[in-house]
């Protein structure tokens, strides 16, 4: 309904309606489109990225189970950047696998993921692309004994790259939440330098963590 209709129905002033809609929009419950109107927003995905493990383990179950489809975009082998080599404690000349995937949740493209894993820890990972489309961390644990014990993460809200905007089907001007992190085995060896990109307007994060930081100190 129009603002005038809402005011008449609720028996309040237009100023009250305007303030209420502004607050609802700030909370992500409605979206306003100039010249078109205000619409109820789709429910946001609730994610708890501090939980160790695969994506299913990080999604809150408050709204029931989610349907998650995964498409492997590419698997490449090469030399890591200096930052990634440092985060993974690699020797000079060591190579890594880079795996990029697109996650579709409840029919919506929601996450562009990238995992960077040392070739020495998973030598034939490129031959297991089909398994990586299911759960990469289950594959790493089952095939290579790489168990995810804890993670260190860094989160920022930024403009997406052109490729991220295309994959996530974002409108011009939309922002994304870029979550970068490193996964560690129980004895402290890092095995994955990952990145996840979410549409900022579609996801709510529930985060708890420790005070000590090792990987992202000062970055």
Protein backbone atom coordinates (compact mmCIF):
# COMPACT_ATOMS: atom_id res chain seq x y z
CA UNK A 1 0.00 0.00 0.00
CA UNK A 2 1.00 3.63 -0.41
CA UNK A 3 2.15 5.62 2.60
CA UNK A 4 -1.15 7.51 2.61
CA UNK A 5 -3.07 4.24 2.66
CA UNK A 6 -0.91 2.89 5.48
CA UNK A 7 -1.47 6.07 7.49
CA UNK A 8 -5.25 5.88 7.00
CA UNK A 9 -5.39 2.17 7.86
CA UNK A 10 -3.27 2.54 11.01
CA UNK A 11 -4.80 5.88 12.05
CA UNK A 12 -1.42 7.63 12.29
CA UNK A 13 0.30 10.52 10.53
CA UNK A 14 2.39 10.31 7.36
CA UNK A 15 5.42 11.30 9.43
CA UNK A 16 4.93 8.24 11.65
CA UNK A 17 4.56 5.97 8.61
CA UNK A 18 7.72 7.43 7.05
CA UNK A 19 9.72 6.90 10.24
CA UNK A 20 8.43 3.34 10.65
CA UNK A 21 9.31 2.42 7.07
CA UNK A 22 12.76 3.96 7.44
CA UNK A 23 13.41 1.86 10.56
CA UNK A 24 12.13 -1.29 8.84
CA UNK A 25 14.42 -0.61 5.89
CA UNK A 26 17.42 -0.13 8.18
CA UNK A 27 16.61 -3.49 9.77
CA UNK A 28 16.45 -5.10 6.34
CA UNK A 29 12.77 -6.02 6.67
CA UNK A 30 11.59 -3.92 3.70
CA UNK A 31 13.12 -2.52 0.51
CA UNK A 32 12.11 0.83 -0.99
CA UNK A 33 12.35 1.52 -4.72
CA UNK A 34 11.98 5.14 -5.78
CA UNK A 35 8.91 5.67 -7.94
CA UNK A 36 7.73 2.09 -7.38
CA UNK A 37 7.02 1.56 -3.70
CA UNK A 38 8.07 -0.31 -0.58
CA UNK A 39 8.12 -4.09 -0.48
CA UNK A 40 8.57 -6.71 2.21
CA UNK A 41 12.13 -8.09 2.00
CA UNK A 42 12.97 -11.75 1.58
CA UNK A 43 14.17 -13.47 4.77
CA UNK A 44 17.92 -13.15 5.22
CA UNK A 45 20.23 -16.12 5.52
CA UNK A 46 21.73 -16.33 9.03
CA UNK A 47 25.34 -17.47 9.05
CA UNK A 48 27.68 -18.19 11.96
CA UNK A 49 31.06 -18.18 10.19
CA UNK A 50 32.98 -18.72 13.42
CA UNK A 51 31.88 -22.34 13.51
CA UNK A 52 34.49 -24.71 12.13
CA UNK A 53 33.70 -26.96 9.19
CA UNK A 54 31.79 -26.72 5.94
CA UNK A 55 29.08 -24.30 4.93
CA UNK A 56 26.20 -26.38 6.30
CA UNK A 57 27.74 -26.18 9.75
CA UNK A 58 27.85 -22.38 9.64
CA UNK A 59 24.22 -21.76 8.65
CA UNK A 60 21.84 -21.20 11.54
CA UNK A 61 18.87 -23.55 11.71
CA UNK A 62 16.40 -20.98 13.03
CA UNK A 63 14.44 -20.97 9.77
CA UNK A 64 14.71 -24.68 8.97
CA UNK A 65 16.97 -26.52 6.57
CA UNK A 66 18.38 -24.75 3.52
CA UNK A 67 18.70 -26.19 0.04
CA UNK A 68 22.33 -25.69 -1.01
CA UNK A 69 23.57 -26.31 -4.54
CA UNK A 70 27.27 -25.93 -5.40
CA UNK A 71 28.91 -25.27 -8.74
CA UNK A 72 32.70 -25.62 -9.07
CA UNK A 73 33.83 -22.65 -11.18
CA UNK A 74 37.47 -23.65 -11.62
CA UNK A 75 40.41 -25.50 -10.06
CA UNK A 76 43.86 -24.12 -10.84
CA UNK A 77 47.42 -24.80 -9.69
CA UNK A 78 50.08 -22.14 -9.21
CA UNK A 79 52.22 -20.04 -6.89
CA UNK A 80 50.50 -18.20 -4.04
CA UNK A 81 50.81 -14.50 -3.30
CA UNK A 82 53.24 -13.50 -0.56
CA UNK A 83 50.35 -12.91 1.86
CA UNK A 84 48.84 -16.34 1.25
CA UNK A 85 52.24 -18.05 1.44
CA UNK A 86 52.82 -16.40 4.81
CA UNK A 87 49.34 -17.35 6.10
CA UNK A 88 49.84 -20.99 5.07
CA UNK A 89 53.46 -21.06 6.33
CA UNK A 90 54.73 -22.26 2.95
CA UNK A 91 58.33 -22.69 1.86
CA UNK A 92 59.58 -20.64 -1.13
CA UNK A 93 58.49 -22.22 -4.41
CA UNK A 94 55.61 -24.21 -2.89
CA UNK A 95 52.49 -24.47 -5.06
CA UNK A 96 48.83 -24.31 -4.13
CA UNK A 97 45.45 -25.32 -5.49
CA UNK A 98 42.89 -22.56 -5.96
CA UNK A 99 39.30 -23.79 -5.97
CA UNK A 100 36.48 -21.37 -6.75
CA UNK A 101 32.85 -22.34 -6.17
CA UNK A 102 29.43 -20.68 -6.38
CA UNK A 103 26.90 -21.54 -3.67
CA UNK A 104 23.18 -21.28 -4.46
CA UNK A 105 21.03 -21.26 -1.32
CA UNK A 106 17.27 -21.74 -1.60
CA UNK A 107 17.47 -20.89 -5.29
CA UNK A 108 19.50 -17.69 -4.83
CA UNK A 109 23.21 -17.27 -5.78
CA UNK A 110 24.53 -16.33 -2.35
CA UNK A 111 28.24 -17.06 -1.93
CA UNK A 112 31.30 -16.96 -4.14
CA UNK A 113 33.92 -19.08 -2.38
CA UNK A 114 37.63 -19.48 -2.92
CA UNK A 115 39.85 -22.02 -1.15
CA UNK A 116 43.65 -22.02 -1.45
CA UNK A 117 45.22 -25.30 -0.32
CA UNK A 118 48.89 -26.39 -0.48
CA UNK A 119 49.51 -28.97 -3.20
CA UNK A 120 51.82 -30.84 -0.81
CA UNK A 121 48.88 -31.51 1.53
CA UNK A 122 46.41 -32.58 -1.19
CA UNK A 123 48.47 -33.70 -4.21
CA UNK A 124 45.61 -34.95 -6.44
CA UNK A 125 42.88 -32.53 -5.37
CA UNK A 126 42.31 -31.43 -8.97
CA UNK A 127 41.17 -34.97 -9.81
CA UNK A 128 38.41 -34.83 -7.20
CA UNK A 129 36.39 -31.89 -8.50
CA UNK A 130 33.09 -33.76 -8.25
CA UNK A 131 33.69 -34.48 -4.56
CA UNK A 132 34.66 -30.84 -3.95
CA UNK A 133 31.22 -29.81 -5.24
CA UNK A 134 29.66 -31.63 -2.27
CA UNK A 135 31.70 -30.67 0.80
CA UNK A 136 35.30 -29.60 0.38
CA UNK A 137 36.09 -29.97 4.07
CA UNK A 138 34.63 -33.48 4.25
CA UNK A 139 36.78 -34.34 1.23
CA UNK A 140 39.90 -32.87 2.84
CA UNK A 141 39.28 -34.76 6.07
CA UNK A 142 38.42 -38.08 4.41
CA UNK A 143 41.11 -38.16 1.70
CA UNK A 144 43.98 -36.23 3.24
CA UNK A 145 43.38 -36.24 7.00
CA UNK A 146 43.02 -32.44 7.12
CA UNK A 147 40.58 -31.83 9.99
CA UNK A 148 39.28 -28.28 10.54
CA UNK A 149 39.78 -27.47 14.21
CA UNK A 150 39.62 -23.66 14.32
CA UNK A 151 39.69 -20.65 12.04
CA UNK A 152 40.87 -17.05 12.06
CA UNK A 153 38.76 -14.64 10.02
CA UNK A 154 38.69 -11.06 8.78
CA UNK A 155 35.44 -9.49 7.58
CA UNK A 156 34.84 -6.30 5.58
CA UNK A 157 32.05 -4.66 3.57
CA UNK A 158 33.27 -3.62 0.10
CA UNK A 159 32.20 -3.14 -3.50
CA UNK A 160 32.20 -6.43 -5.46
CA UNK A 161 34.43 -7.14 -8.40
CA UNK A 162 32.75 -7.31 -11.81
CA UNK A 163 32.94 -11.11 -11.73
CA UNK A 164 31.44 -11.29 -8.23
CA UNK A 165 28.66 -8.93 -9.24
CA UNK A 166 27.88 -11.12 -12.26
CA UNK A 167 27.94 -14.41 -10.34
CA UNK A 168 25.80 -13.08 -7.48
CA UNK A 169 23.43 -11.26 -9.87
CA UNK A 170 23.83 -7.97 -7.99
CA UNK A 171 22.43 -4.60 -8.97
CA UNK A 172 24.77 -1.69 -9.67
CA UNK A 173 25.89 -0.07 -6.41
CA UNK A 174 25.29 -3.18 -4.29
CA UNK A 175 27.90 -4.08 -1.70
CA UNK A 176 29.23 -7.43 -0.51
CA UNK A 177 30.60 -8.85 2.71
CA UNK A 178 34.06 -10.29 2.03
CA UNK A 179 35.13 -12.82 4.65
CA UNK A 180 38.74 -13.99 4.52
CA UNK A 181 40.28 -16.54 6.80
CA UNK A 182 42.64 -19.42 7.47
CA UNK A 183 41.67 -22.89 8.70
CA UNK A 184 43.93 -24.82 11.07
CA UNK A 185 44.32 -28.47 12.02
CA UNK A 186 44.17 -29.44 15.73
CA UNK A 187 47.96 -29.24 16.10
CA UNK A 188 48.04 -25.75 14.58
CA UNK A 189 49.07 -26.35 10.96
CA UNK A 190 47.22 -24.07 8.49
CA UNK A 191 45.79 -25.88 5.47
CA UNK A 192 43.30 -23.52 3.79
CA UNK A 193 43.41 -19.79 3.07
CA UNK A 194 39.81 -19.08 2.11
CA UNK A 195 37.57 -16.27 0.99
CA UNK A 196 33.77 -16.06 0.95
CA UNK A 197 31.80 -13.23 -0.68
CA UNK A 198 28.16 -12.65 0.29
CA UNK A 199 25.59 -10.05 -0.87
CA UNK A 200 25.58 -7.59 2.03
CA UNK A 201 21.80 -7.17 1.94
CA UNK A 202 21.02 -10.89 2.04
CA UNK A 203 22.95 -12.24 5.02
CA UNK A 204 23.05 -11.67 8.78
CA UNK A 205 26.17 -12.86 10.63
CA UNK A 206 26.28 -14.30 14.13
CA UNK A 207 29.87 -14.05 15.33
CA UNK A 208 31.76 -15.00 18.48
CA UNK A 209 35.50 -15.42 18.67
CA UNK A 210 38.73 -15.34 20.60
CA UNK A 211 40.79 -12.29 21.45
CA UNK A 212 44.13 -13.51 20.10
CA UNK A 213 44.89 -12.99 16.41
CA UNK A 214 47.84 -14.47 14.56
CA UNK A 215 47.22 -14.43 10.82
CA UNK A 216 45.45 -11.11 10.23
CA UNK A 217 47.38 -8.98 12.67
CA UNK A 218 47.52 -5.43 11.29
CA UNK A 219 45.83 -6.26 7.95
